[in-house]
N, C-alpha and C. Protein backbone atom coordinates (compact mmCIF):
# COMPACT_ATOMS: atom_id res chain seq x y z
N MET A 1 117.41 145.43 124.02
CA MET A 1 117.82 144.17 124.59
C MET A 1 116.61 143.24 124.69
N LEU A 2 116.78 142.02 124.28
CA LEU A 2 115.72 141.02 124.29
C LEU A 2 115.58 140.45 125.69
N GLN A 3 114.37 140.47 126.23
CA GLN A 3 114.13 139.95 127.57
C GLN A 3 113.09 138.84 127.49
N ILE A 4 113.53 137.62 127.65
CA ILE A 4 112.62 136.48 127.68
C ILE A 4 112.81 135.81 129.03
N ILE A 5 111.75 135.70 129.78
CA ILE A 5 111.86 135.21 131.14
C ILE A 5 111.92 133.69 131.18
N SER A 6 111.08 133.04 130.43
CA SER A 6 111.09 131.59 130.42
C SER A 6 111.11 131.12 128.98
N PRO A 7 111.47 129.86 128.73
CA PRO A 7 111.61 129.39 127.36
C PRO A 7 110.29 129.42 126.61
N PRO A 8 110.32 129.75 125.33
CA PRO A 8 109.08 129.86 124.57
C PRO A 8 108.48 128.53 124.18
N PHE A 9 109.22 127.44 124.32
CA PHE A 9 108.69 126.15 123.91
C PHE A 9 107.69 125.66 124.95
N PRO A 10 106.45 125.33 124.56
CA PRO A 10 105.40 125.08 125.55
C PRO A 10 105.59 123.84 126.39
N PHE A 11 106.29 122.81 125.91
CA PHE A 11 106.39 121.59 126.69
C PHE A 11 107.36 121.75 127.85
N ASN A 12 108.23 122.76 127.80
CA ASN A 12 109.12 123.03 128.92
C ASN A 12 108.43 123.90 129.96
N ASN A 13 107.26 124.39 129.64
CA ASN A 13 106.57 125.34 130.50
C ASN A 13 105.41 124.66 131.20
N PRO A 14 105.39 124.62 132.52
CA PRO A 14 104.26 123.97 133.21
C PRO A 14 102.95 124.70 133.01
N LYS A 15 102.99 125.99 132.62
CA LYS A 15 101.75 126.71 132.36
C LYS A 15 101.04 126.13 131.14
N PHE A 16 101.79 125.56 130.20
CA PHE A 16 101.16 124.92 129.04
C PHE A 16 100.27 123.78 129.49
N TYR A 17 100.79 122.94 130.38
CA TYR A 17 100.01 121.82 130.85
C TYR A 17 98.82 122.28 131.69
N SER A 18 99.01 123.31 132.50
CA SER A 18 97.90 123.76 133.33
C SER A 18 96.81 124.39 132.47
N GLY A 19 97.17 125.11 131.41
CA GLY A 19 96.16 125.68 130.51
C GLY A 19 95.39 124.60 129.78
N ARG A 20 96.12 123.60 129.31
CA ARG A 20 95.48 122.49 128.61
C ARG A 20 94.55 121.74 129.55
N ASN A 21 95.02 121.46 130.77
CA ASN A 21 94.20 120.73 131.72
C ASN A 21 93.01 121.55 132.20
N THR A 22 93.21 122.85 132.38
CA THR A 22 92.11 123.71 132.79
C THR A 22 91.02 123.72 131.74
N CYS A 23 91.41 123.79 130.48
CA CYS A 23 90.42 123.77 129.41
C CYS A 23 89.67 122.44 129.39
N TYR A 24 90.39 121.34 129.55
CA TYR A 24 89.76 120.03 129.55
C TYR A 24 88.82 119.87 130.74
N HIS A 25 89.26 120.26 131.92
CA HIS A 25 88.45 120.06 133.11
C HIS A 25 87.23 120.99 133.14
N SER A 26 87.30 122.10 132.41
CA SER A 26 86.14 122.99 132.38
C SER A 26 84.99 122.39 131.58
N VAL A 27 85.29 121.53 130.61
CA VAL A 27 84.22 120.92 129.80
C VAL A 27 84.11 119.42 130.06
N GLN A 28 84.78 118.92 131.08
CA GLN A 28 84.79 117.49 131.36
C GLN A 28 83.39 116.94 131.61
N ASN A 29 82.57 117.67 132.34
CA ASN A 29 81.21 117.19 132.61
C ASN A 29 80.36 117.14 131.34
N LEU A 30 80.60 118.07 130.44
CA LEU A 30 79.86 118.05 129.17
C LEU A 30 80.25 116.83 128.34
N LEU A 31 81.53 116.49 128.34
CA LEU A 31 82.00 115.37 127.52
C LEU A 31 81.51 114.03 128.04
N SER A 32 81.24 113.93 129.33
CA SER A 32 80.77 112.65 129.87
C SER A 32 79.25 112.62 130.06
N SER A 33 78.57 113.68 129.68
CA SER A 33 77.13 113.75 129.86
C SER A 33 76.41 112.82 128.87
N ARG A 34 75.36 112.18 129.35
CA ARG A 34 74.56 111.32 128.47
C ARG A 34 73.49 112.11 127.73
N LEU A 35 73.31 113.37 128.11
CA LEU A 35 72.29 114.20 127.46
C LEU A 35 72.76 114.74 126.11
N LEU A 36 74.06 114.81 125.90
CA LEU A 36 74.60 115.35 124.65
C LEU A 36 74.97 114.21 123.71
N SER A 37 74.80 114.43 122.43
CA SER A 37 75.16 113.41 121.46
C SER A 37 76.68 113.38 121.26
N ARG A 38 77.17 112.28 120.72
CA ARG A 38 78.60 112.16 120.45
C ARG A 38 79.06 113.20 119.45
N LYS A 39 78.21 113.49 118.48
CA LYS A 39 78.55 114.47 117.46
C LYS A 39 78.77 115.85 118.09
N LEU A 40 77.94 116.21 119.04
CA LEU A 40 78.08 117.50 119.72
C LEU A 40 79.32 117.49 120.63
N LYS A 41 79.60 116.37 121.27
CA LYS A 41 80.79 116.28 122.11
C LYS A 41 82.07 116.42 121.28
N ILE A 42 82.08 115.81 120.11
CA ILE A 42 83.25 115.95 119.23
C ILE A 42 83.39 117.39 118.76
N LYS A 43 82.27 118.04 118.50
CA LYS A 43 82.32 119.45 118.11
C LYS A 43 82.86 120.32 119.24
N ILE A 44 82.50 120.01 120.48
CA ILE A 44 83.05 120.73 121.64
C ILE A 44 84.56 120.51 121.72
N TYR A 45 84.98 119.28 121.49
CA TYR A 45 86.41 118.97 121.53
C TYR A 45 87.17 119.75 120.46
N ARG A 46 86.62 119.79 119.25
CA ARG A 46 87.31 120.47 118.15
C ARG A 46 87.31 121.98 118.27
N THR A 47 86.27 122.55 118.87
CA THR A 47 86.17 124.01 118.90
C THR A 47 86.66 124.63 120.20
N ILE A 48 86.69 123.88 121.29
CA ILE A 48 87.09 124.46 122.57
C ILE A 48 88.46 123.94 123.01
N ILE A 49 88.65 122.63 123.00
CA ILE A 49 89.87 122.06 123.55
C ILE A 49 91.04 122.12 122.56
N LEU A 50 90.83 121.69 121.33
CA LEU A 50 91.93 121.64 120.36
C LEU A 50 92.59 122.99 120.11
N PRO A 51 91.84 124.10 119.93
CA PRO A 51 92.54 125.38 119.72
C PRO A 51 93.43 125.79 120.88
N VAL A 52 93.05 125.45 122.11
CA VAL A 52 93.89 125.78 123.27
C VAL A 52 95.15 124.93 123.26
N VAL A 53 95.00 123.65 122.98
CA VAL A 53 96.14 122.73 123.00
C VAL A 53 97.09 123.02 121.85
N LEU A 54 96.57 123.36 120.68
CA LEU A 54 97.40 123.51 119.49
C LEU A 54 97.82 124.95 119.21
N TYR A 55 97.65 125.83 120.17
CA TYR A 55 98.01 127.23 119.93
C TYR A 55 99.52 127.34 119.69
N GLY A 56 99.91 127.85 118.55
CA GLY A 56 101.32 128.03 118.22
C GLY A 56 102.04 126.77 117.82
N CYS A 57 101.31 125.72 117.45
CA CYS A 57 101.94 124.43 117.17
C CYS A 57 102.80 124.46 115.90
N GLU A 58 102.64 125.47 115.06
CA GLU A 58 103.42 125.55 113.84
C GLU A 58 104.90 125.72 114.15
N ALA A 59 105.23 126.28 115.29
CA ALA A 59 106.62 126.54 115.63
C ALA A 59 107.22 125.49 116.56
N TRP A 60 106.47 124.47 116.94
CA TRP A 60 106.99 123.45 117.84
C TRP A 60 107.90 122.50 117.10
N SER A 61 108.91 122.02 117.77
CA SER A 61 109.71 120.90 117.27
C SER A 61 109.45 119.74 118.22
N LEU A 62 108.62 118.83 117.80
CA LEU A 62 108.17 117.76 118.68
C LEU A 62 109.16 116.60 118.71
N THR A 63 109.42 116.11 119.90
CA THR A 63 110.16 114.85 120.04
C THR A 63 109.13 113.73 120.13
N LEU A 64 109.60 112.51 120.07
CA LEU A 64 108.68 111.38 120.16
C LEU A 64 107.97 111.35 121.52
N ARG A 65 108.67 111.75 122.56
CA ARG A 65 108.07 111.77 123.89
C ARG A 65 106.92 112.78 123.94
N GLU A 66 107.12 113.95 123.34
CA GLU A 66 106.07 114.97 123.35
C GLU A 66 104.90 114.56 122.46
N GLU A 67 105.19 113.90 121.34
CA GLU A 67 104.10 113.39 120.50
C GLU A 67 103.27 112.38 121.28
N ARG A 68 103.95 111.54 122.04
CA ARG A 68 103.24 110.53 122.83
C ARG A 68 102.37 111.20 123.89
N LYS A 69 102.86 112.25 124.53
CA LYS A 69 102.07 112.96 125.54
C LYS A 69 100.81 113.56 124.91
N LEU A 70 100.95 114.11 123.72
CA LEU A 70 99.77 114.67 123.05
C LEU A 70 98.77 113.59 122.68
N ARG A 71 99.27 112.43 122.21
CA ARG A 71 98.37 111.33 121.86
C ARG A 71 97.65 110.79 123.11
N VAL A 72 98.36 110.72 124.23
CA VAL A 72 97.75 110.26 125.48
C VAL A 72 96.65 111.23 125.89
N PHE A 73 96.91 112.53 125.77
CA PHE A 73 95.89 113.52 126.11
C PHE A 73 94.68 113.38 125.20
N GLU A 74 94.92 113.22 123.90
CA GLU A 74 93.80 113.08 122.97
C GLU A 74 92.99 111.82 123.26
N ASN A 75 93.66 110.71 123.56
CA ASN A 75 92.95 109.47 123.88
C ASN A 75 92.15 109.61 125.17
N MET A 76 92.67 110.37 126.13
CA MET A 76 91.94 110.61 127.36
C MET A 76 90.63 111.35 127.08
N VAL A 77 90.71 112.37 126.22
CA VAL A 77 89.51 113.14 125.89
C VAL A 77 88.53 112.27 125.10
N LEU A 78 89.04 111.49 124.14
CA LEU A 78 88.16 110.65 123.33
C LEU A 78 87.51 109.54 124.16
N ARG A 79 88.23 109.02 125.14
CA ARG A 79 87.62 108.01 126.03
C ARG A 79 86.50 108.63 126.86
N ARG A 80 86.68 109.89 127.23
CA ARG A 80 85.63 110.59 127.96
C ARG A 80 84.41 110.80 127.05
N ILE A 81 84.64 111.09 125.78
CA ILE A 81 83.54 111.34 124.84
C ILE A 81 82.79 110.04 124.53
N PHE A 82 83.52 108.98 124.18
CA PHE A 82 82.87 107.76 123.71
C PHE A 82 82.48 106.81 124.83
N GLY A 83 83.00 107.02 126.02
CA GLY A 83 82.60 106.21 127.16
C GLY A 83 83.17 104.80 127.10
N ARG A 84 82.52 103.91 127.82
CA ARG A 84 82.95 102.52 127.89
C ARG A 84 82.12 101.67 126.94
N ARG A 85 82.59 100.46 126.69
CA ARG A 85 81.89 99.54 125.80
C ARG A 85 81.74 98.20 126.52
N ARG A 86 80.60 97.59 126.31
CA ARG A 86 80.35 96.28 126.92
C ARG A 86 81.03 95.21 126.06
N ASP A 87 81.79 94.36 126.72
CA ASP A 87 82.49 93.28 126.03
C ASP A 87 81.46 92.24 125.58
N GLU A 88 81.57 91.80 124.32
CA GLU A 88 80.58 90.88 123.75
C GLU A 88 80.69 89.47 124.35
N VAL A 89 81.88 89.07 124.74
CA VAL A 89 82.09 87.71 125.24
C VAL A 89 81.72 87.62 126.72
N THR A 90 82.31 88.48 127.54
CA THR A 90 82.12 88.38 128.98
C THR A 90 80.95 89.22 129.48
N GLY A 91 80.53 90.21 128.73
CA GLY A 91 79.44 91.06 129.14
C GLY A 91 79.84 92.15 130.14
N GLU A 92 81.14 92.30 130.40
CA GLU A 92 81.61 93.32 131.33
C GLU A 92 81.94 94.60 130.57
N TRP A 93 81.87 95.72 131.32
CA TRP A 93 82.22 97.00 130.73
C TRP A 93 83.74 97.14 130.71
N ARG A 94 84.27 97.69 129.62
CA ARG A 94 85.72 97.86 129.50
C ARG A 94 86.02 99.18 128.79
N ARG A 95 87.25 99.65 128.98
CA ARG A 95 87.69 100.85 128.28
C ARG A 95 87.91 100.54 126.81
N LEU A 96 87.74 101.55 125.97
CA LEU A 96 88.00 101.38 124.54
C LEU A 96 89.51 101.36 124.28
N HIS A 97 89.93 100.51 123.37
CA HIS A 97 91.33 100.45 122.96
C HIS A 97 91.63 101.60 122.01
N ASN A 98 92.91 101.90 121.84
CA ASN A 98 93.30 103.02 121.00
C ASN A 98 92.82 102.86 119.55
N GLU A 99 92.88 101.66 119.03
CA GLU A 99 92.42 101.43 117.65
C GLU A 99 90.93 101.70 117.53
N GLU A 100 90.17 101.28 118.53
CA GLU A 100 88.72 101.54 118.52
C GLU A 100 88.43 103.04 118.60
N LEU A 101 89.22 103.76 119.39
CA LEU A 101 89.04 105.21 119.46
C LEU A 101 89.33 105.86 118.12
N ASN A 102 90.39 105.41 117.44
CA ASN A 102 90.72 105.96 116.13
C ASN A 102 89.62 105.68 115.11
N ASP A 103 89.03 104.49 115.18
CA ASP A 103 87.94 104.16 114.26
C ASP A 103 86.70 104.99 114.54
N LEU A 104 86.39 105.20 115.81
CA LEU A 104 85.20 105.97 116.16
C LEU A 104 85.37 107.46 115.85
N TYR A 105 86.57 108.00 116.08
CA TYR A 105 86.80 109.43 115.87
C TYR A 105 86.89 109.77 114.40
N SER A 106 87.50 108.94 113.61
CA SER A 106 87.58 109.04 112.14
C SER A 106 88.10 110.38 111.65
N SER A 107 88.89 111.05 112.43
CA SER A 107 89.56 112.28 112.01
C SER A 107 91.04 112.09 112.26
N PRO A 108 91.87 112.90 111.63
CA PRO A 108 93.31 112.74 111.86
C PRO A 108 93.66 112.97 113.33
N ASN A 109 94.64 112.22 113.82
CA ASN A 109 95.02 112.39 115.21
C ASN A 109 95.75 113.72 115.41
N ILE A 110 96.00 114.07 116.64
CA ILE A 110 96.50 115.39 116.98
C ILE A 110 97.91 115.63 116.42
N VAL A 111 98.73 114.58 116.35
CA VAL A 111 100.08 114.74 115.82
C VAL A 111 100.02 115.01 114.32
N ARG A 112 99.13 114.34 113.63
CA ARG A 112 98.98 114.59 112.19
C ARG A 112 98.46 116.00 111.92
N VAL A 113 97.59 116.48 112.77
CA VAL A 113 97.08 117.85 112.63
C VAL A 113 98.22 118.85 112.81
N ILE A 114 99.08 118.60 113.79
CA ILE A 114 100.22 119.50 114.02
C ILE A 114 101.15 119.50 112.82
N LYS A 115 101.43 118.33 112.27
CA LYS A 115 102.32 118.26 111.12
C LYS A 115 101.72 118.92 109.89
N SER A 116 100.41 118.79 109.70
CA SER A 116 99.79 119.45 108.54
C SER A 116 99.77 120.97 108.72
N ARG A 117 99.54 121.43 109.95
CA ARG A 117 99.60 122.88 110.19
C ARG A 117 101.00 123.42 109.99
N ARG A 118 101.99 122.65 110.39
CA ARG A 118 103.38 123.07 110.21
C ARG A 118 103.71 123.16 108.71
N MET A 119 103.24 122.21 107.92
CA MET A 119 103.48 122.25 106.48
C MET A 119 102.75 123.43 105.83
N ARG A 120 101.53 123.69 106.31
CA ARG A 120 100.78 124.83 105.78
C ARG A 120 101.49 126.14 106.09
N TRP A 121 102.05 126.26 107.31
CA TRP A 121 102.77 127.46 107.68
C TRP A 121 104.06 127.60 106.86
N ALA A 122 104.76 126.48 106.62
CA ALA A 122 105.98 126.53 105.81
C ALA A 122 105.66 126.96 104.38
N GLY A 123 104.52 126.50 103.84
CA GLY A 123 104.11 126.94 102.51
C GLY A 123 103.80 128.42 102.47
N LEU A 124 103.18 128.93 103.54
CA LEU A 124 102.88 130.35 103.62
C LEU A 124 104.16 131.18 103.66
N VAL A 125 105.12 130.72 104.44
CA VAL A 125 106.39 131.44 104.53
C VAL A 125 107.14 131.36 103.21
N ALA A 126 107.08 130.21 102.54
CA ALA A 126 107.77 130.06 101.26
C ALA A 126 107.20 131.00 100.20
N ARG A 127 105.92 131.34 100.31
CA ARG A 127 105.31 132.26 99.34
C ARG A 127 105.57 133.73 99.67
N MET A 128 106.12 133.99 100.86
CA MET A 128 106.43 135.36 101.21
C MET A 128 107.58 135.88 100.36
N GLY A 129 107.73 137.16 100.36
CA GLY A 129 108.83 137.76 99.63
C GLY A 129 110.16 137.51 100.30
N GLU A 130 111.23 137.64 99.53
CA GLU A 130 112.56 137.38 100.06
C GLU A 130 113.01 138.42 101.07
N GLU A 131 112.37 139.58 101.07
CA GLU A 131 112.77 140.62 102.01
C GLU A 131 112.19 140.40 103.40
N ARG A 132 111.21 139.50 103.54
CA ARG A 132 110.61 139.23 104.84
C ARG A 132 111.58 138.44 105.71
N GLY A 133 111.63 138.78 106.98
CA GLY A 133 112.56 138.15 107.90
C GLY A 133 112.28 136.69 108.15
N VAL A 134 111.01 136.32 108.23
CA VAL A 134 110.66 134.92 108.48
C VAL A 134 111.12 134.05 107.32
N TYR A 135 111.00 134.56 106.11
CA TYR A 135 111.45 133.82 104.93
C TYR A 135 112.96 133.61 104.99
N ARG A 136 113.69 134.65 105.40
CA ARG A 136 115.15 134.53 105.47
C ARG A 136 115.57 133.50 106.52
N VAL A 137 114.84 133.43 107.62
CA VAL A 137 115.17 132.43 108.65
C VAL A 137 114.87 131.03 108.14
N LEU A 138 113.75 130.86 107.42
CA LEU A 138 113.35 129.52 106.96
C LEU A 138 114.28 128.99 105.89
N VAL A 139 114.60 129.79 104.87
CA VAL A 139 115.37 129.29 103.74
C VAL A 139 116.81 129.78 103.72
N GLY A 140 117.18 130.60 104.69
CA GLY A 140 118.53 131.14 104.71
C GLY A 140 119.59 130.10 105.01
N LYS A 141 120.78 130.38 104.49
CA LYS A 141 121.92 129.51 104.75
C LYS A 141 122.99 130.34 105.45
N PRO A 142 123.73 129.74 106.36
CA PRO A 142 124.77 130.51 107.05
C PRO A 142 125.84 130.95 106.06
N GLU A 143 126.36 132.14 106.29
CA GLU A 143 127.37 132.68 105.38
C GLU A 143 128.72 132.04 105.61
N ARG A 144 129.00 131.67 106.84
CA ARG A 144 130.28 131.06 107.15
C ARG A 144 130.08 130.09 108.31
N ARG A 145 131.12 129.34 108.60
CA ARG A 145 131.04 128.39 109.71
C ARG A 145 131.11 129.12 111.03
N ARG A 146 130.49 128.57 112.02
CA ARG A 146 130.51 129.13 113.36
C ARG A 146 131.86 128.80 114.00
N PRO A 147 132.52 129.81 114.59
CA PRO A 147 133.78 129.52 115.27
C PRO A 147 133.57 128.55 116.43
N LEU A 148 134.61 127.86 116.81
CA LEU A 148 134.50 126.86 117.86
C LEU A 148 134.08 127.47 119.19
N TRP A 149 134.52 128.68 119.49
CA TRP A 149 134.19 129.31 120.76
C TRP A 149 132.82 129.93 120.77
N ARG A 150 132.18 130.05 119.63
CA ARG A 150 130.90 130.75 119.52
C ARG A 150 129.76 129.77 119.79
N PRO A 151 128.89 130.03 120.76
CA PRO A 151 127.76 129.11 121.00
C PRO A 151 126.71 129.23 119.90
N ARG A 152 125.91 128.21 119.78
CA ARG A 152 124.84 128.23 118.79
C ARG A 152 123.80 129.27 119.17
N ARG A 153 123.21 129.88 118.17
CA ARG A 153 122.17 130.88 118.43
C ARG A 153 120.83 130.20 118.47
N ARG A 154 120.01 130.63 119.37
CA ARG A 154 118.67 130.10 119.51
C ARG A 154 117.73 130.84 118.57
N TRP A 155 116.60 130.22 118.26
CA TRP A 155 115.69 130.80 117.27
C TRP A 155 115.09 132.10 117.75
N TRP A 156 114.85 132.25 119.06
CA TRP A 156 114.23 133.49 119.52
C TRP A 156 115.22 134.65 119.45
N ILE A 157 116.54 134.35 119.51
CA ILE A 157 117.52 135.41 119.35
C ILE A 157 117.55 135.86 117.90
N ILE A 158 117.47 134.92 116.97
CA ILE A 158 117.44 135.28 115.55
C ILE A 158 116.20 136.09 115.24
N LEU A 159 115.05 135.69 115.77
CA LEU A 159 113.84 136.48 115.56
C LEU A 159 113.97 137.87 116.17
N GLY A 160 114.71 137.96 117.27
CA GLY A 160 114.95 139.26 117.87
C GLY A 160 115.74 140.17 116.96
N TRP A 161 116.74 139.60 116.27
CA TRP A 161 117.52 140.41 115.34
C TRP A 161 116.65 140.91 114.20
N ILE A 162 115.78 140.04 113.71
CA ILE A 162 114.94 140.42 112.58
C ILE A 162 113.94 141.49 113.00
N SER A 163 113.29 141.28 114.13
CA SER A 163 112.27 142.24 114.55
C SER A 163 112.89 143.51 115.11
N ARG A 164 114.16 143.46 115.47
CA ARG A 164 114.83 144.65 115.99
C ARG A 164 114.88 145.76 114.95
N ARG A 165 115.04 145.38 113.72
CA ARG A 165 115.08 146.37 112.65
C ARG A 165 113.76 147.12 112.54
N ARG A 166 112.68 146.45 112.86
CA ARG A 166 111.35 147.06 112.75
C ARG A 166 110.86 147.60 114.09
N ASP A 167 111.63 147.38 115.17
CA ASP A 167 111.29 147.83 116.51
C ASP A 167 109.92 147.31 116.95
N VAL A 168 109.73 145.99 116.79
CA VAL A 168 108.49 145.35 117.24
C VAL A 168 108.86 144.25 118.21
N GLY A 169 107.86 143.76 118.93
CA GLY A 169 108.07 142.66 119.87
C GLY A 169 107.93 141.32 119.20
N ILE A 170 108.38 140.29 119.89
CA ILE A 170 108.26 138.92 119.40
C ILE A 170 107.26 138.20 120.26
N TRP A 171 106.34 137.50 119.65
CA TRP A 171 105.40 136.68 120.41
C TRP A 171 106.07 135.35 120.70
N THR A 172 106.24 135.02 121.99
CA THR A 172 106.88 133.76 122.37
C THR A 172 105.88 132.78 122.93
N GLY A 173 104.62 133.13 122.99
CA GLY A 173 103.64 132.27 123.59
C GLY A 173 103.40 132.62 125.05
N LEU A 174 104.28 133.40 125.63
CA LEU A 174 104.16 133.76 127.03
C LEU A 174 103.94 135.26 127.22
N GLY A 175 104.22 136.02 126.23
CA GLY A 175 104.07 137.47 126.32
C GLY A 175 104.84 138.15 125.22
N TRP A 176 104.79 139.45 125.18
CA TRP A 176 105.52 140.23 124.19
C TRP A 176 106.76 140.80 124.85
N PRO A 177 107.93 140.18 124.67
CA PRO A 177 109.12 140.77 125.23
C PRO A 177 109.48 142.05 124.50
N ARG A 178 110.11 142.95 125.18
CA ARG A 178 110.48 144.22 124.57
C ARG A 178 111.87 144.09 123.99
N ILE A 179 112.06 144.70 122.85
CA ILE A 179 113.34 144.70 122.18
C ILE A 179 113.82 146.14 122.11
N GLY A 180 114.99 146.38 122.69
CA GLY A 180 115.55 147.73 122.67
C GLY A 180 116.09 148.08 121.30
N THR A 181 116.37 149.35 121.10
CA THR A 181 116.86 149.79 119.80
C THR A 181 118.32 150.22 119.87
N GLY A 182 119.04 149.80 120.93
CA GLY A 182 120.44 150.18 121.06
C GLY A 182 121.30 149.47 120.04
N ASP A 183 122.54 149.90 119.93
CA ASP A 183 123.47 149.29 118.97
C ASP A 183 124.01 147.98 119.53
N GLY A 184 124.58 147.19 118.65
CA GLY A 184 125.18 145.94 119.07
C GLY A 184 124.26 144.75 118.87
N CYS A 185 124.82 143.58 119.03
CA CYS A 185 124.05 142.35 118.87
C CYS A 185 123.31 142.04 120.15
N LEU A 186 122.30 141.22 120.01
CA LEU A 186 121.53 140.79 121.19
C LEU A 186 122.29 139.78 121.98
């Protein structure tokens, strides 16, 4: 029997936000330090913060709201790295605009990175053999129509069916749920 305590999608899980924020706040002083160069701060962002934020992003289905939340988070980190800029006309300090941040960072934004990783993962699955379960889920077509009384199946239930044959657990991002080997559907 498949036991999943909370949904595997990270944006529905408050622990996702706390992990992301904990990672950011642990290096926040480094990102705003004047002793470190911008190049080193960007390297800290790419090697420490981004892997935590993008863990498992290949399986996410992002809505526009979630894409916006990720962009806001990235802009917050980049504003911390690049600091403020003195306005040429008034001489006052001001925050950098999003376009200026994109020009200074000169790397693909976080949403583009997620989409490229998702495409890379889809290519990897497409090159797998037809006997692999992940391949069957990606390119498989339903054999018949779903009856009106039958609810839609969720992706973690389908993965449970596939991994049930091999008696292994499924990684949901929150832990390894156990899958029983009894008869019947999940």
